[in-house]
Amino acid sequence: MPVVVTTLDGRILLHANDAAHALLGEQFDEGFRGIDALARVQGAGIVARLATAEALDEVEVEIAALDGIAGWMLLSARRVDYHGQDVALFSLTPINELKRTQAALHEAKEAAEITAEQLRSTTDTLMASIRYASRIQNSIFPDRAAIQELSHGAEIWVEQRDIVGGDWHWVGRAEGGDLVFLCDCTGHGVPGALMTMLVSSCFRRAIEEQGYASPARILTSLHRQVRLALSRASGEMSADDGLDAACIYLERGTGLARVAAARLPILHADSAGLHEIKGDRTSIGYPSLPEHVVIAEREIPVAPGDLLYLFTDGCTDQMGGARRNLFGRRRLHAAIDRLRGLEPAEQIARLRELLADYRGDEPTRDDATLIILRVNEELPEEERLAVLPKLIGGPAA
């Protein structure tokens, strides 16, 4: 360690070890001019402080130029007896590398702060755009009035993972009955939301062409239109995206529900228990699929008070639990079987709590939608028209 001994006023050099000579050789060769000259601005203050104190520890100082380059040191000082004389002993620790590192860190910190601010600005702009996109996407979902106009009761829960998402549903009342549609498009977030916009447009064309009464014909028509929209004019595939879907038509006055599904299951709760109607083992809309796909249509008898459940895999493919497993259809079916005696709104509230408890601290993996339909007694037309304005004027969902 470089050590220098001077008179107490720091003016006269009494001793310097070899390390000090190696470090400060030029200053010694030219003649020692005092600690105040060596330590530049801080030197005089250090000497003054040493006069009133016995020690100074690791004071950061800028030393005189070495080969034209300013240097930095940690200077410590002690008042000691040197051959009967009260003197100052200085130790010097070079910290040029440390100072350079500190300067580099300071520059890096400033650069990081600028980058972080730019990212915050970009994120704020992006989130504002996504929130606005959510308003646009919400415009293609059925409103409360459309749901209340159905002949049968309906409760719907939608939870998009990323403000906007790839789940979409539609309900409508026709002269012959009620139609309910649910789909889970490829992806989530913005890509999924863009798919729902495409699907909603194609779905409306499908029901214009096919009417409400045949869910299977609606799904096959929807498949052709989405597939065509996702394929290039040359016939090459632009993107292999598509959807899983389920469709129910509750025919008025017959006690029958016509159902068709592509991968999505449908649950039916009646007085005998809970039954699963499995969807066909094909998705729809994917350009990689044949132009013509076969979707089966089934007729199931329903009675007043029966419940029909539609849901996307965001309700089942949630990681959680003590072993971090998927929630799964078996747990969902068991929960619905326990809760099916409750009102649909209460069932949805309980199922949401159950899923949230199971998820715990795990992130939400996918968009989730659950629709519960209650089969009602048919009201005479004049009685239905009397009730409908009250329902439409009620609170929004």
Protein backbone atom coordinates (compact mmCIF):
# COMPACT_ATOMS: atom_id res chain seq x y z
CA MET A 1 0.00 0.00 0.00
CA PRO A 2 1.42 3.46 -0.89
CA VAL A 3 2.32 5.33 2.35
CA VAL A 4 3.44 8.97 2.67
CA VAL A 5 4.60 10.75 5.84
CA THR A 6 4.52 14.57 5.94
CA THR A 7 4.63 17.33 8.46
CA LEU A 8 1.29 17.94 10.14
CA ASP A 9 0.53 20.79 7.75
CA GLY A 10 1.10 18.44 4.81
CA ARG A 11 3.79 20.64 3.26
CA ILE A 12 7.07 18.78 3.83
CA LEU A 13 7.61 15.21 2.73
CA LEU A 14 9.36 13.15 5.41
CA HIS A 15 9.01 9.65 3.99
CA ALA A 16 7.46 7.75 1.12
CA ASN A 17 7.65 3.99 0.65
CA ASP A 18 8.41 2.25 -2.65
CA ALA A 19 4.74 1.78 -3.48
CA ALA A 20 4.19 5.53 -3.10
CA HIS A 21 7.13 6.29 -5.36
CA ALA A 22 5.81 3.86 -7.96
CA LEU A 23 2.39 5.45 -7.82
CA LEU A 24 3.36 9.10 -7.53
CA GLY A 25 6.82 9.11 -9.06
CA GLU A 26 6.27 12.15 -11.28
CA GLN A 27 5.09 14.29 -8.38
CA PHE A 28 8.17 13.30 -6.33
CA ASP A 29 10.56 13.80 -9.25
CA GLU A 30 9.28 17.33 -9.78
CA GLY A 31 9.44 18.08 -6.07
CA PHE A 32 6.79 17.50 -3.46
CA ARG A 33 4.38 20.46 -3.31
CA GLY A 34 2.24 19.35 -0.43
CA ILE A 35 -0.81 17.19 0.20
CA ASP A 36 -3.11 20.08 -0.70
CA ALA A 37 -1.53 20.24 -4.19
CA LEU A 38 -1.48 16.46 -4.56
CA ALA A 39 -5.11 16.03 -3.55
CA ARG A 40 -6.33 19.08 -5.46
CA VAL A 41 -9.45 20.67 -4.03
CA GLN A 42 -9.85 18.29 -1.10
CA GLY A 43 -6.25 18.53 0.10
CA ALA A 44 -6.52 21.73 2.15
CA GLY A 45 -9.66 20.48 3.81
CA ILE A 46 -8.03 17.17 4.69
CA VAL A 47 -5.07 18.91 6.36
CA ALA A 48 -7.45 21.19 8.26
CA ARG A 49 -9.54 18.25 9.44
CA LEU A 50 -6.47 16.32 10.50
CA ALA A 51 -5.42 19.24 12.69
CA THR A 52 -8.58 18.81 14.78
CA ALA A 53 -8.87 15.02 14.64
CA GLU A 54 -6.50 12.11 15.10
CA ALA A 55 -7.65 10.11 12.09
CA LEU A 56 -9.47 10.25 8.75
CA ASP A 57 -10.63 7.06 7.02
CA GLU A 58 -11.03 6.49 3.29
CA VAL A 59 -11.74 9.99 2.05
CA GLU A 60 -12.30 9.91 -1.70
CA VAL A 61 -9.95 12.40 -3.42
CA GLU A 62 -8.95 13.33 -6.93
CA ILE A 63 -5.17 13.38 -7.19
CA ALA A 64 -3.00 15.50 -9.49
CA ALA A 65 -2.71 14.36 -13.09
CA LEU A 66 -0.65 11.24 -13.71
CA ASP A 67 0.62 11.23 -17.28
CA GLY A 68 -2.06 13.79 -18.06
CA ILE A 69 -4.84 11.62 -16.65
CA ALA A 70 -6.55 12.53 -13.39
CA GLY A 71 -6.70 9.76 -10.85
CA TRP A 72 -8.85 8.88 -7.86
CA MET A 73 -7.82 7.45 -4.51
CA LEU A 74 -9.14 6.64 -1.10
CA LEU A 75 -7.00 8.61 1.35
CA SER A 76 -6.71 7.67 5.01
CA ALA A 77 -4.67 9.76 7.51
CA ARG A 78 -3.35 9.34 11.03
CA ARG A 79 -1.48 11.70 13.36
CA VAL A 80 1.52 9.74 14.59
CA ASP A 81 4.78 10.31 16.41
CA TYR A 82 7.68 10.16 13.98
CA HIS A 83 11.09 10.41 15.71
CA GLY A 84 9.55 12.59 18.37
CA GLN A 85 7.72 14.79 15.85
CA ASP A 86 3.94 15.05 15.48
CA VAL A 87 3.40 14.15 11.81
CA ALA A 88 0.74 13.03 9.35
CA LEU A 89 0.80 9.52 7.90
CA PHE A 90 -1.20 9.08 4.70
CA SER A 91 -2.15 5.80 3.01
CA LEU A 92 -3.37 5.89 -0.61
CA THR A 93 -5.58 3.27 -2.30
CA PRO A 94 -6.03 3.74 -6.07
CA ILE A 95 -9.68 3.51 -7.15
CA ASN A 96 -9.50 4.55 -10.79
CA GLU A 97 -11.09 1.27 -11.94
CA LEU A 98 -13.81 1.65 -9.34
CA LYS A 99 -14.54 5.20 -10.48
CA ARG A 100 -14.65 4.08 -14.09
CA THR A 101 -16.99 1.29 -13.13
CA GLN A 102 -19.17 3.73 -11.19
CA ALA A 103 -19.25 6.09 -14.17
CA ALA A 104 -20.16 3.23 -16.49
CA LEU A 105 -22.88 2.12 -14.08
CA HIS A 106 -24.21 5.65 -13.88
CA GLU A 107 -24.35 5.89 -17.67
CA ALA A 108 -25.97 2.46 -17.85
CA LYS A 109 -28.51 3.51 -15.21
CA GLU A 110 -29.39 6.65 -17.14
CA ALA A 111 -29.70 4.65 -20.36
CA ALA A 112 -31.87 2.07 -18.59
CA GLU A 113 -34.12 4.81 -17.19
CA ILE A 114 -34.53 6.29 -20.67
CA THR A 115 -35.32 2.84 -22.09
CA ALA A 116 -37.74 2.12 -19.23
CA GLU A 117 -39.54 5.40 -19.87
CA GLN A 118 -39.78 4.59 -23.56
CA LEU A 119 -41.14 1.14 -22.70
CA ARG A 120 -43.67 2.68 -20.30
CA SER A 121 -44.80 5.07 -23.00
CA THR A 122 -45.02 2.28 -25.57
CA THR A 123 -46.87 0.03 -23.10
CA ASP A 124 -49.33 2.80 -22.22
CA THR A 125 -50.02 3.39 -25.91
CA LEU A 126 -50.40 -0.34 -26.55
CA MET A 127 -52.71 -0.86 -23.56
CA ALA A 128 -54.84 2.10 -24.62
CA SER A 129 -55.16 0.50 -28.06
CA ILE A 130 -56.06 -2.90 -26.55
CA ARG A 131 -58.67 -1.33 -24.25
CA TYR A 132 -60.18 0.43 -27.24
CA ALA A 133 -60.05 -2.87 -29.16
CA SER A 134 -61.98 -4.43 -26.27
CA ARG A 135 -64.78 -1.92 -26.81
CA ILE A 136 -64.88 -2.90 -30.48
CA GLN A 137 -64.86 -6.61 -29.69
CA ASN A 138 -67.63 -6.19 -27.12
CA SER A 139 -69.82 -4.77 -29.87
CA ILE A 140 -70.03 -8.21 -31.52
CA PHE A 141 -71.21 -9.94 -28.33
CA PRO A 142 -74.95 -10.15 -27.59
CA ASP A 143 -76.22 -7.47 -25.24
CA ARG A 144 -78.42 -8.05 -22.21
CA ALA A 145 -81.60 -7.31 -24.14
CA ALA A 146 -80.83 -10.05 -26.69
CA ILE A 147 -80.21 -12.55 -23.88
CA GLN A 148 -83.40 -11.59 -22.04
CA GLU A 149 -85.45 -11.86 -25.23
CA LEU A 150 -84.79 -15.60 -25.43
CA SER A 151 -87.68 -17.89 -24.65
CA HIS A 152 -85.39 -19.77 -22.27
CA GLY A 153 -83.20 -18.51 -19.45
CA ALA A 154 -79.50 -17.89 -20.05
CA GLU A 155 -76.61 -16.99 -17.76
CA ILE A 156 -73.23 -16.27 -19.31
CA TRP A 157 -69.76 -15.82 -17.81
CA VAL A 158 -66.88 -14.59 -19.98
CA GLU A 159 -63.32 -14.01 -18.74
CA GLN A 160 -60.78 -13.04 -21.37
CA ARG A 161 -57.19 -13.73 -20.35
CA ASP A 162 -55.78 -10.55 -21.94
CA ILE A 163 -58.61 -7.93 -22.00
CA VAL A 164 -59.49 -9.14 -25.50
CA GLY A 165 -59.57 -12.79 -26.44
CA GLY A 166 -60.55 -15.66 -28.68
CA ASP A 167 -63.83 -16.84 -27.10
CA TRP A 168 -67.04 -15.61 -28.73
CA HIS A 169 -70.71 -16.41 -28.28
CA TRP A 170 -74.00 -15.44 -29.92
CA VAL A 171 -77.67 -15.84 -29.00
CA GLY A 172 -80.78 -15.15 -31.04
CA ARG A 173 -84.51 -15.73 -31.01
CA ALA A 174 -86.38 -16.77 -34.13
CA GLU A 175 -89.99 -17.60 -34.77
CA GLY A 176 -89.34 -21.31 -34.31
CA GLY A 177 -87.00 -21.26 -31.33
CA ASP A 178 -83.78 -20.00 -29.71
CA LEU A 179 -80.26 -20.39 -31.10
CA VAL A 180 -77.14 -20.32 -28.90
CA PHE A 181 -73.61 -20.52 -30.31
CA LEU A 182 -70.20 -20.67 -28.59
CA CYS A 183 -66.73 -20.90 -30.11
CA ASP A 184 -63.11 -20.98 -28.99
CA CYS A 185 -60.85 -19.53 -31.71
CA THR A 186 -57.16 -20.20 -32.15
CA GLY A 187 -55.04 -18.13 -29.79
CA HIS A 188 -55.94 -15.52 -27.23
CA GLY A 189 -55.24 -11.83 -26.79
CA VAL A 190 -55.17 -9.72 -29.95
CA PRO A 191 -54.77 -12.64 -32.43
CA GLY A 192 -57.69 -14.45 -30.84
CA ALA A 193 -59.79 -11.28 -30.86
CA LEU A 194 -59.13 -10.75 -34.57
CA MET A 195 -60.28 -14.33 -35.19
CA THR A 196 -63.54 -13.65 -33.33
CA MET A 197 -64.19 -10.64 -35.58
CA LEU A 198 -63.77 -12.86 -38.63
CA VAL A 199 -65.88 -15.66 -37.15
CA SER A 200 -68.70 -13.31 -36.15
CA SER A 201 -68.95 -12.01 -39.71
CA CYS A 202 -68.90 -15.52 -41.18
CA PHE A 203 -71.39 -16.79 -38.59
CA ARG A 204 -73.94 -14.13 -39.49
CA ARG A 205 -73.63 -15.07 -43.15
CA ALA A 206 -74.07 -18.72 -42.20
CA ILE A 207 -77.37 -18.15 -40.39
CA GLU A 208 -78.57 -15.90 -43.22
CA GLU A 209 -77.95 -18.81 -45.60
CA GLN A 210 -78.97 -21.73 -43.39
CA GLY A 211 -81.49 -20.25 -40.96
CA TYR A 212 -81.60 -21.05 -37.25
CA ALA A 213 -83.09 -24.55 -37.19
CA SER A 214 -80.07 -26.73 -38.06
CA PRO A 215 -76.93 -26.30 -35.91
CA ALA A 216 -75.00 -28.83 -38.04
CA ARG A 217 -75.69 -26.94 -41.26
CA ILE A 218 -74.69 -23.68 -39.55
CA LEU A 219 -71.35 -25.16 -38.44
CA THR A 220 -70.55 -26.70 -41.83
CA SER A 221 -71.36 -23.40 -43.56
CA LEU A 222 -69.25 -21.53 -41.00
CA HIS A 223 -66.36 -23.94 -41.65
CA ARG A 224 -66.39 -23.24 -45.40
CA GLN A 225 -66.53 -19.47 -44.97
CA VAL A 226 -63.80 -19.21 -42.31
CA ARG A 227 -61.58 -21.63 -44.24
CA LEU A 228 -62.01 -19.59 -47.41
CA ALA A 229 -61.26 -16.32 -45.59
CA LEU A 230 -58.04 -17.74 -44.13
CA SER A 231 -56.82 -19.13 -47.45
CA ARG A 232 -55.09 -17.06 -50.11
CA ALA A 233 -56.59 -16.55 -53.53
CA SER A 234 -53.94 -18.89 -54.97
CA GLY A 235 -55.12 -21.66 -52.70
CA GLU A 236 -52.02 -21.61 -50.48
CA MET A 237 -52.63 -21.42 -46.74
CA SER A 238 -51.88 -18.04 -45.15
CA ALA A 239 -52.35 -19.33 -41.60
CA ASP A 240 -53.63 -22.59 -40.19
CA ASP A 241 -56.08 -21.13 -37.71
CA GLY A 242 -59.62 -22.13 -36.90
CA LEU A 243 -62.03 -22.76 -34.05
CA ASP A 244 -63.86 -25.26 -31.89
CA ALA A 245 -67.58 -24.62 -31.62
CA ALA A 246 -70.92 -25.79 -30.25
CA CYS A 247 -74.42 -24.79 -31.30
CA ILE A 248 -77.83 -25.46 -29.73
CA TYR A 249 -81.26 -24.80 -31.20
CA LEU A 250 -84.11 -25.06 -28.67
CA GLU A 251 -87.14 -25.69 -30.83
CA ARG A 252 -90.28 -24.02 -29.56
CA GLY A 253 -93.19 -26.21 -28.52
CA THR A 254 -91.58 -29.62 -29.31
CA GLY A 255 -89.54 -30.41 -26.19
CA LEU A 256 -86.48 -30.98 -28.39
CA ALA A 257 -83.04 -29.44 -28.54
CA ARG A 258 -80.99 -29.82 -31.72
CA VAL A 259 -77.27 -29.77 -31.02
CA ALA A 260 -74.07 -29.92 -33.03
CA ALA A 261 -70.52 -29.48 -31.84
CA ALA A 262 -66.99 -29.47 -33.18
CA ARG A 263 -64.80 -30.68 -30.29
CA LEU A 264 -66.58 -28.62 -27.62
CA PRO A 265 -68.76 -30.78 -25.36
CA ILE A 266 -72.32 -30.01 -24.26
CA LEU A 267 -73.66 -31.03 -20.86
CA HIS A 268 -77.35 -31.78 -20.23
CA ALA A 269 -78.71 -31.90 -16.68
CA ASP A 270 -82.19 -33.41 -16.28
CA SER A 271 -84.06 -35.23 -13.53
CA ALA A 272 -81.96 -38.35 -14.13
CA GLY A 273 -78.58 -36.66 -13.70
CA LEU A 274 -75.83 -35.03 -15.76
CA HIS A 275 -75.09 -36.27 -19.28
CA GLU A 276 -72.27 -35.34 -21.65
CA ILE A 277 -72.86 -34.89 -25.37
CA LYS A 278 -69.40 -35.10 -26.89
CA GLY A 279 -68.51 -32.89 -29.80
CA ASP A 280 -67.38 -34.35 -33.11
CA ARG A 281 -63.63 -34.98 -33.27
CA THR A 282 -62.96 -32.21 -35.75
CA SER A 283 -62.40 -28.50 -35.50
CA ILE A 284 -63.69 -26.15 -38.20
CA GLY A 285 -62.33 -23.29 -40.28
CA TYR A 286 -58.75 -24.57 -40.54
CA PRO A 287 -57.42 -24.26 -44.10
CA SER A 288 -55.57 -27.57 -43.61
CA LEU A 289 -58.93 -29.36 -43.25
CA PRO A 290 -60.96 -30.54 -46.26
CA GLU A 291 -63.41 -28.07 -47.71
CA HIS A 292 -66.30 -30.31 -46.68
CA VAL A 293 -66.46 -31.65 -43.15
CA VAL A 294 -69.26 -33.72 -41.68
CA ILE A 295 -70.80 -32.41 -38.44
CA ALA A 296 -73.39 -34.63 -36.80
CA GLU A 297 -76.65 -33.19 -35.56
CA ARG A 298 -78.42 -34.75 -32.59
CA GLU A 299 -81.89 -34.26 -31.17
CA ILE A 300 -82.22 -34.57 -27.40
CA PRO A 301 -85.48 -34.41 -25.46
CA VAL A 302 -85.62 -31.60 -22.91
CA ALA A 303 -88.16 -30.68 -20.27
CA PRO A 304 -88.86 -27.47 -18.36
CA GLY A 305 -86.18 -27.06 -15.69
CA ASP A 306 -83.50 -28.95 -17.63
CA LEU A 307 -80.12 -27.22 -17.92
CA LEU A 308 -77.73 -27.15 -20.88
CA TYR A 309 -74.09 -26.17 -20.39
CA LEU A 310 -71.64 -24.86 -22.98
CA PHE A 311 -68.04 -24.06 -22.03
CA THR A 312 -64.62 -23.49 -23.58
CA ASP A 313 -61.43 -25.21 -22.45
CA GLY A 314 -60.36 -22.15 -20.43
CA CYS A 315 -62.70 -23.60 -17.78
CA THR A 316 -60.87 -26.94 -17.69
CA ASP A 317 -57.26 -26.30 -18.80
CA GLN A 318 -56.33 -24.22 -15.76
CA MET A 319 -53.19 -25.28 -13.90
CA GLY A 320 -53.37 -25.36 -10.12
CA GLY A 321 -53.94 -27.49 -7.07
CA ALA A 322 -51.33 -28.97 -4.76
CA ARG A 323 -49.77 -31.01 -7.59
CA ARG A 324 -50.07 -28.32 -10.28
CA ASN A 325 -52.35 -30.38 -12.50
CA LEU A 326 -55.00 -29.17 -14.94
CA PHE A 327 -58.44 -28.67 -13.43
CA GLY A 328 -59.85 -30.98 -16.10
CA ARG A 329 -63.30 -31.95 -17.31
CA ARG A 330 -63.81 -34.56 -14.60
CA ARG A 331 -63.56 -31.95 -11.83
CA LEU A 332 -65.75 -29.53 -13.77
CA HIS A 333 -68.42 -32.17 -14.41
CA ALA A 334 -68.39 -33.20 -10.75
CA ALA A 335 -68.75 -29.58 -9.63
CA ILE A 336 -71.63 -28.95 -12.03
CA ASP A 337 -73.34 -32.15 -10.88
CA ARG A 338 -73.13 -30.92 -7.25
CA LEU A 339 -74.39 -27.43 -8.10
CA ARG A 340 -77.08 -28.13 -10.72
CA GLY A 341 -79.88 -27.72 -8.20
CA LEU A 342 -78.98 -24.04 -7.72
CA GLU A 343 -80.04 -21.12 -9.88
CA PRO A 344 -77.75 -20.72 -12.93
CA ALA A 345 -76.41 -17.36 -11.69
CA GLU A 346 -75.49 -18.92 -8.34
CA GLN A 347 -73.90 -21.89 -10.10
CA ILE A 348 -71.65 -19.57 -12.12
CA ALA A 349 -70.65 -17.65 -8.99
CA ARG A 350 -69.74 -20.88 -7.18
CA LEU A 351 -67.83 -22.28 -10.18
CA ARG A 352 -65.83 -19.08 -10.53
CA GLU A 353 -64.84 -19.27 -6.86
CA LEU A 354 -63.90 -22.92 -7.26
CA LEU A 355 -61.70 -22.21 -10.30
CA ALA A 356 -60.05 -19.21 -8.61
CA ASP A 357 -59.26 -21.26 -5.48
CA TYR A 358 -57.84 -24.08 -7.59
CA ARG A 359 -55.71 -21.68 -9.67
CA GLY A 360 -54.20 -20.01 -6.60
CA ASP A 361 -51.11 -18.05 -7.64
CA GLU A 362 -50.90 -19.66 -11.08
CA PRO A 363 -51.47 -17.32 -14.04
CA THR A 364 -54.66 -17.64 -16.07
CA ARG A 365 -53.84 -19.86 -19.05
CA ASP A 366 -56.68 -19.19 -21.48
CA ASP A 367 -59.92 -17.36 -22.16
CA ALA A 368 -62.90 -18.92 -20.41
CA THR A 369 -66.63 -18.86 -21.23
CA LEU A 370 -69.48 -20.72 -19.53
CA ILE A 371 -73.11 -20.57 -20.72
CA ILE A 372 -75.97 -22.13 -18.77
CA LEU A 373 -79.36 -22.45 -20.48
CA ARG A 374 -82.51 -23.25 -18.52
CA VAL A 375 -85.37 -24.80 -20.44
CA ASN A 376 -88.51 -22.84 -19.60
CA GLU A 377 -92.21 -23.41 -20.08
CA GLU A 378 -93.42 -21.68 -23.23
CA LEU A 379 -95.34 -18.49 -22.48
CA PRO A 380 -98.27 -17.42 -24.61
CA GLU A 381 -97.19 -14.70 -27.03
CA GLU A 382 -99.23 -11.95 -25.36
CA GLU A 383 -97.82 -12.84 -21.93
CA ARG A 384 -94.25 -12.91 -23.27
CA LEU A 385 -94.67 -9.47 -24.85
CA ALA A 386 -95.99 -8.14 -21.54
CA VAL A 387 -92.95 -9.42 -19.62
CA LEU A 388 -90.27 -8.58 -22.17
CA PRO A 389 -90.19 -4.74 -21.71
CA LYS A 390 -89.61 -5.18 -17.98
CA LEU A 391 -86.71 -7.53 -18.64
CA ILE A 392 -85.10 -5.26 -21.21
CA GLY A 393 -85.45 -2.27 -18.89
CA GLY A 394 -83.70 -4.12 -16.04
CA PRO A 395 -80.08 -3.69 -14.97
CA ALA A 396 -77.35 -4.58 -17.47
CA ALA A 397 -75.24 -7.65 -16.90
